[in-house]
Amino acid sequence: MGFGSYDESEQENQNRDEDEDVEAVNVHENETDGDVAFESNKSTDELVDQLQHMKGDDDE
């Protein structure tokens, strides 16, 4: 067989037992709205200054 070839007999007669007790995954089971709240003692100006300082650290 050449590169990328496959044996077609392997693709035939694949037995799948669909009566198995397979538990489905519920992707929405632990879904949240994503709300986040926090309190800070710093003013908006202090937080913006801190952010600018953090952004400046990446340039070095």
PDB file of N, CA and C in Angstrom:
ATOM      1  N   MET A   1       0.826  -1.191   0.000  1.00  0.00           N
ATOM      2  CA  MET A   1       0.000   0.000   0.000  1.00  0.00           C
ATOM      3  C   MET A   1       0.865   1.249   0.000  1.00  0.00           C
ATOM      4  N   GLY A   2       0.413   2.249  -0.671  1.00  0.00           N
ATOM      5  CA  GLY A   2       1.149   3.492  -0.735  1.00  0.00           C
ATOM      6  C   GLY A   2       0.829   4.403   0.429  1.00  0.00           C
ATOM      7  N   PHE A   3       1.517   5.499   0.464  1.00  0.00           N
ATOM      8  CA  PHE A   3       1.302   6.480   1.514  1.00  0.00           C
ATOM      9  C   PHE A   3      -0.133   6.998   1.449  1.00  0.00           C
ATOM     10  N   GLY A   4      -0.812   7.029   2.578  1.00  0.00           N
ATOM     11  CA  GLY A   4      -2.177   7.543   2.628  1.00  0.00           C
ATOM     12  C   GLY A   4      -3.224   6.515   2.257  1.00  0.00           C
ATOM     13  N   SER A   5      -2.813   5.317   1.909  1.00  0.00           N
ATOM     14  CA  SER A   5      -3.773   4.282   1.563  1.00  0.00           C
ATOM     15  C   SER A   5      -4.329   3.647   2.820  1.00  0.00           C
ATOM     16  N   TYR A   6      -5.479   3.040   2.687  1.00  0.00           N
ATOM     17  CA  TYR A   6      -6.049   2.311   3.805  1.00  0.00           C
ATOM     18  C   TYR A   6      -6.746   1.073   3.271  1.00  0.00           C
ATOM     19  N   ASP A   7      -6.907   0.145   4.125  1.00  0.00           N
ATOM     20  CA  ASP A   7      -7.559  -1.104   3.773  1.00  0.00           C
ATOM     21  C   ASP A   7      -9.059  -0.914   3.914  1.00  0.00           C
ATOM     22  N   GLU A   8      -9.776  -0.956   2.798  1.00  0.00           N
ATOM     23  CA  GLU A   8     -11.220  -0.724   2.833  1.00  0.00           C
ATOM     24  C   GLU A   8     -11.955  -1.761   3.667  1.00  0.00           C
ATOM     25  N   SER A   9     -11.380  -2.935   3.807  1.00  0.00           N
ATOM     26  CA  SER A   9     -12.041  -3.961   4.602  1.00  0.00           C
ATOM     27  C   SER A   9     -12.107  -3.550   6.077  1.00  0.00           C
ATOM     28  N   GLU A  10     -11.203  -2.688   6.502  1.00  0.00           N
ATOM     29  CA  GLU A  10     -11.245  -2.204   7.874  1.00  0.00           C
ATOM     30  C   GLU A  10     -12.413  -1.254   8.087  1.00  0.00           C
ATOM     31  N   GLN A  11     -12.894  -0.639   7.012  1.00  0.00           N
ATOM     32  CA  GLN A  11     -13.973   0.326   7.114  1.00  0.00           C
ATOM     33  C   GLN A  11     -15.349  -0.329   7.083  1.00  0.00           C
ATOM     34  N   GLU A  12     -15.403  -1.558   6.643  1.00  0.00           N
ATOM     35  CA  GLU A  12     -16.677  -2.271   6.542  1.00  0.00           C
ATOM     36  C   GLU A  12     -16.976  -3.020   7.832  1.00  0.00           C
ATOM     37  N   ASN A  13     -18.223  -3.298   8.043  1.00  0.00           N
ATOM     38  CA  ASN A  13     -18.682  -4.136   9.152  1.00  0.00           C
ATOM     39  C   ASN A  13     -18.189  -3.650  10.511  1.00  0.00           C
ATOM     40  N   GLN A  14     -18.239  -2.381  10.722  1.00  0.00           N
ATOM     41  CA  GLN A  14     -17.886  -1.866  12.033  1.00  0.00           C
ATOM     42  C   GLN A  14     -19.109  -1.997  12.922  1.00  0.00           C
ATOM     43  N   ASN A  15     -19.022  -2.889  13.875  1.00  0.00           N
ATOM     44  CA  ASN A  15     -20.152  -3.138  14.761  1.00  0.00           C
ATOM     45  C   ASN A  15     -20.236  -2.051  15.816  1.00  0.00           C
ATOM     46  N   ARG A  16     -21.389  -1.408  15.858  1.00  0.00           N
ATOM     47  CA  ARG A  16     -21.633  -0.387  16.858  1.00  0.00           C
ATOM     48  C   ARG A  16     -22.834  -0.822  17.664  1.00  0.00           C
ATOM     49  N   ASP A  17     -22.629  -0.994  18.927  1.00  0.00           N
ATOM     50  CA  ASP A  17     -23.714  -1.391  19.804  1.00  0.00           C
ATOM     51  C   ASP A  17     -24.380  -0.118  20.319  1.00  0.00           C
ATOM     52  N   GLU A  18     -25.444   0.282  19.644  1.00  0.00           N
ATOM     53  CA  GLU A  18     -26.113   1.520  20.002  1.00  0.00           C
ATOM     54  C   GLU A  18     -27.061   1.350  21.177  1.00  0.00           C
ATOM     55  N   ASP A  19     -27.171   0.148  21.684  1.00  0.00           N
ATOM     56  CA  ASP A  19     -28.034  -0.092  22.831  1.00  0.00           C
ATOM     57  C   ASP A  19     -27.281   0.040  24.149  1.00  0.00           C
ATOM     58  N   GLU A  20     -26.010   0.403  24.079  1.00  0.00           N
ATOM     59  CA  GLU A  20     -25.214   0.541  25.289  1.00  0.00           C
ATOM     60  C   GLU A  20     -25.770   1.676  26.137  1.00  0.00           C
ATOM     61  N   ASP A  21     -25.546   1.575  27.430  1.00  0.00           N
ATOM     62  CA  ASP A  21     -25.944   2.648  28.334  1.00  0.00           C
ATOM     63  C   ASP A  21     -24.864   3.716  28.322  1.00  0.00           C
ATOM     64  N   VAL A  22     -24.965   4.608  27.369  1.00  0.00           N
ATOM     65  CA  VAL A  22     -23.988   5.672  27.228  1.00  0.00           C
ATOM     66  C   VAL A  22     -24.608   6.938  27.803  1.00  0.00           C
ATOM     67  N   GLU A  23     -23.896   7.543  28.724  1.00  0.00           N
ATOM     68  CA  GLU A  23     -24.397   8.748  29.356  1.00  0.00           C
ATOM     69  C   GLU A  23     -23.995   9.943  28.503  1.00  0.00           C
ATOM     70  N   ALA A  24     -24.973  10.734  28.091  1.00  0.00           N
ATOM     71  CA  ALA A  24     -24.700  11.899  27.262  1.00  0.00           C
ATOM     72  C   ALA A  24     -24.119  13.021  28.121  1.00  0.00           C
ATOM     73  N   VAL A  25     -23.317  13.856  27.495  1.00  0.00           N
ATOM     74  CA  VAL A  25     -22.726  14.995  28.174  1.00  0.00           C
ATOM     75  C   VAL A  25     -23.624  16.198  27.955  1.00  0.00           C
ATOM     76  N   ASN A  26     -24.022  16.823  29.043  1.00  0.00           N
ATOM     77  CA  ASN A  26     -24.843  18.020  28.962  1.00  0.00           C
ATOM     78  C   ASN A  26     -23.924  19.229  29.081  1.00  0.00           C
ATOM     79  N   VAL A  27     -23.675  19.909  27.963  1.00  0.00           N
ATOM     80  CA  VAL A  27     -22.744  21.030  27.970  1.00  0.00           C
ATOM     81  C   VAL A  27     -23.325  22.262  28.648  1.00  0.00           C
ATOM     82  N   HIS A  28     -24.613  22.274  28.895  1.00  0.00           N
ATOM     83  CA  HIS A  28     -25.260  23.421  29.531  1.00  0.00           C
ATOM     84  C   HIS A  28     -25.511  23.196  31.017  1.00  0.00           C
ATOM     85  N   GLU A  29     -25.001  22.110  31.561  1.00  0.00           N
ATOM     86  CA  GLU A  29     -25.273  21.747  32.947  1.00  0.00           C
ATOM     87  C   GLU A  29     -24.760  22.792  33.935  1.00  0.00           C
ATOM     88  N   ASN A  30     -23.586  23.327  33.694  1.00  0.00           N
ATOM     89  CA  ASN A  30     -22.977  24.275  34.630  1.00  0.00           C
ATOM     90  C   ASN A  30     -22.869  25.672  34.034  1.00  0.00           C
ATOM     91  N   GLU A  31     -23.818  26.051  33.226  1.00  0.00           N
ATOM     92  CA  GLU A  31     -23.794  27.339  32.566  1.00  0.00           C
ATOM     93  C   GLU A  31     -24.141  28.463  33.548  1.00  0.00           C
ATOM     94  N   THR A  32     -23.464  29.584  33.409  1.00  0.00           N
ATOM     95  CA  THR A  32     -23.753  30.746  34.247  1.00  0.00           C
ATOM     96  C   THR A  32     -23.936  31.962  33.364  1.00  0.00           C
ATOM     97  N   ASP A  33     -24.440  33.031  33.958  1.00  0.00           N
ATOM     98  CA  ASP A  33     -24.616  34.282  33.224  1.00  0.00           C
ATOM     99  C   ASP A  33     -23.309  35.040  33.073  1.00  0.00           C
ATOM    100  N   GLY A  34     -22.334  34.733  33.917  1.00  0.00           N
ATOM    101  CA  GLY A  34     -21.029  35.365  33.801  1.00  0.00           C
ATOM    102  C   GLY A  34     -20.928  36.703  34.498  1.00  0.00           C
ATOM    103  N   ASP A  35     -21.807  37.000  35.442  1.00  0.00           N
ATOM    104  CA  ASP A  35     -21.726  38.261  36.170  1.00  0.00           C
ATOM    105  C   ASP A  35     -20.615  38.196  37.215  1.00  0.00           C
ATOM    106  N   VAL A  36     -19.825  39.279  37.269  1.00  0.00           N
ATOM    107  CA  VAL A  36     -18.746  39.372  38.243  1.00  0.00           C
ATOM    108  C   VAL A  36     -18.864  40.717  38.941  1.00  0.00           C
ATOM    109  N   ALA A  37     -18.710  40.708  40.244  1.00  0.00           N
ATOM    110  CA  ALA A  37     -18.752  41.963  41.001  1.00  0.00           C
ATOM    111  C   ALA A  37     -17.593  41.975  41.980  1.00  0.00           C
ATOM    112  N   PHE A  38     -16.998  43.152  42.186  1.00  0.00           N
ATOM    113  CA  PHE A  38     -15.927  43.293  43.166  1.00  0.00           C
ATOM    114  C   PHE A  38     -15.930  44.724  43.663  1.00  0.00           C
ATOM    115  N   GLU A  39     -15.345  44.898  44.819  1.00  0.00           N
ATOM    116  CA  GLU A  39     -15.231  46.224  45.405  1.00  0.00           C
ATOM    117  C   GLU A  39     -13.758  46.564  45.558  1.00  0.00           C
ATOM    118  N   SER A  40     -13.437  47.832  45.353  1.00  0.00           N
ATOM    119  CA  SER A  40     -12.064  48.284  45.479  1.00  0.00           C
ATOM    120  C   SER A  40     -12.044  49.591  46.255  1.00  0.00           C
ATOM    121  N   ASN A  41     -11.011  49.783  47.052  1.00  0.00           N
ATOM    122  CA  ASN A  41     -10.853  51.028  47.796  1.00  0.00           C
ATOM    123  C   ASN A  41     -10.136  52.086  46.974  1.00  0.00           C
ATOM    124  N   LYS A  42      -9.684  51.726  45.776  1.00  0.00           N
ATOM    125  CA  LYS A  42      -8.958  52.665  44.920  1.00  0.00           C
ATOM    126  C   LYS A  42      -9.925  53.433  44.043  1.00  0.00           C
ATOM    127  N   SER A  43      -9.536  54.656  43.709  1.00  0.00           N
ATOM    128  CA  SER A  43     -10.351  55.466  42.806  1.00  0.00           C
ATOM    129  C   SER A  43     -10.143  55.012  41.373  1.00  0.00           C
ATOM    130  N   THR A  44     -10.999  55.472  40.498  1.00  0.00           N
ATOM    131  CA  THR A  44     -10.875  55.129  39.082  1.00  0.00           C
ATOM    132  C   THR A  44      -9.531  55.599  38.535  1.00  0.00           C
ATOM    133  N   ASP A  45      -9.092  56.787  38.929  1.00  0.00           N
ATOM    134  CA  ASP A  45      -7.814  57.319  38.456  1.00  0.00           C
ATOM    135  C   ASP A  45      -6.653  56.431  38.905  1.00  0.00           C
ATOM    136  N   GLU A  46      -6.708  55.946  40.159  1.00  0.00           N
ATOM    137  CA  GLU A  46      -5.656  55.067  40.647  1.00  0.00           C
ATOM    138  C   GLU A  46      -5.628  53.755  39.878  1.00  0.00           C
ATOM    139  N   LEU A  47      -6.800  53.228  39.576  1.00  0.00           N
ATOM    140  CA  LEU A  47      -6.866  51.974  38.819  1.00  0.00           C
ATOM    141  C   LEU A  47      -6.354  52.161  37.395  1.00  0.00           C
ATOM    142  N   VAL A  48      -6.690  53.293  36.759  1.00  0.00           N
ATOM    143  CA  VAL A  48      -6.204  53.572  35.408  1.00  0.00           C
ATOM    144  C   VAL A  48      -4.686  53.740  35.422  1.00  0.00           C
ATOM    145  N   ASP A  49      -4.173  54.436  36.438  1.00  0.00           N
ATOM    146  CA  ASP A  49      -2.715  54.591  36.554  1.00  0.00           C
ATOM    147  C   ASP A  49      -2.034  53.235  36.715  1.00  0.00           C
ATOM    148  N   GLN A  50      -2.615  52.377  37.532  1.00  0.00           N
ATOM    149  CA  GLN A  50      -2.047  51.042  37.738  1.00  0.00           C
ATOM    150  C   GLN A  50      -2.069  50.250  36.435  1.00  0.00           C
ATOM    151  N   LEU A  51      -3.155  50.364  35.664  1.00  0.00           N
ATOM    152  CA  LEU A  51      -3.247  49.674  34.377  1.00  0.00           C
ATOM    153  C   LEU A  51      -2.182  50.195  33.419  1.00  0.00           C
ATOM    154  N   GLN A  52      -2.006  51.507  33.365  1.00  0.00           N
ATOM    155  CA  GLN A  52      -0.984  52.084  32.485  1.00  0.00           C
ATOM    156  C   GLN A  52       0.407  51.607  32.892  1.00  0.00           C
ATOM    157  N   HIS A  53       0.640  51.495  34.178  1.00  0.00           N
ATOM    158  CA  HIS A  53       1.940  50.999  34.666  1.00  0.00           C
ATOM    159  C   HIS A  53       2.134  49.544  34.240  1.00  0.00           C
ATOM    160  N   MET A  54       1.083  48.731  34.342  1.00  0.00           N
ATOM    161  CA  MET A  54       1.175  47.339  33.951  1.00  0.00           C
ATOM    162  C   MET A  54       1.409  47.210  32.451  1.00  0.00           C
ATOM    163  N   LYS A  55       0.740  48.034  31.666  1.00  0.00           N
ATOM    164  CA  LYS A  55       0.946  48.006  30.213  1.00  0.00           C
ATOM    165  C   LYS A  55       2.368  48.419  29.868  1.00  0.00           C
ATOM    166  N   GLY A  56       2.926  49.365  30.611  1.00  0.00           N
ATOM    167  CA  GLY A  56       4.289  49.834  30.375  1.00  0.00           C
ATOM    168  C   GLY A  56       5.319  48.761  30.657  1.00  0.00           C
ATOM    169  N   ASP A  57       5.007  47.809  31.553  1.00  0.00           N
ATOM    170  CA  ASP A  57       5.955  46.737  31.876  1.00  0.00           C
ATOM    171  C   ASP A  57       6.185  45.807  30.702  1.00  0.00           C
ATOM    172  N   ASP A  58       5.236  45.707  29.783  1.00  0.00           N
ATOM    173  CA  ASP A  58       5.383  44.823  28.624  1.00  0.00           C
ATOM    174  C   ASP A  58       6.385  45.361  27.622  1.00  0.00           C
ATOM    175  N   ASP A  59       6.614  46.681  27.609  1.00  0.00           N
ATOM    176  CA  ASP A  59       7.501  47.297  26.623  1.00  0.00           C
ATOM    177  C   ASP A  59       8.969  47.066  26.930  1.00  0.00           C
ATOM    178  N   GLU A  60       9.287  46.727  28.161  1.00  0.00           N
ATOM    179  CA  GLU A  60      10.683  46.597  28.563  1.00  0.00           C
ATOM    180  C   GLU A  60      11.301  45.317  28.055  1.00  0.00           C
TER     181      GLU A  60
END
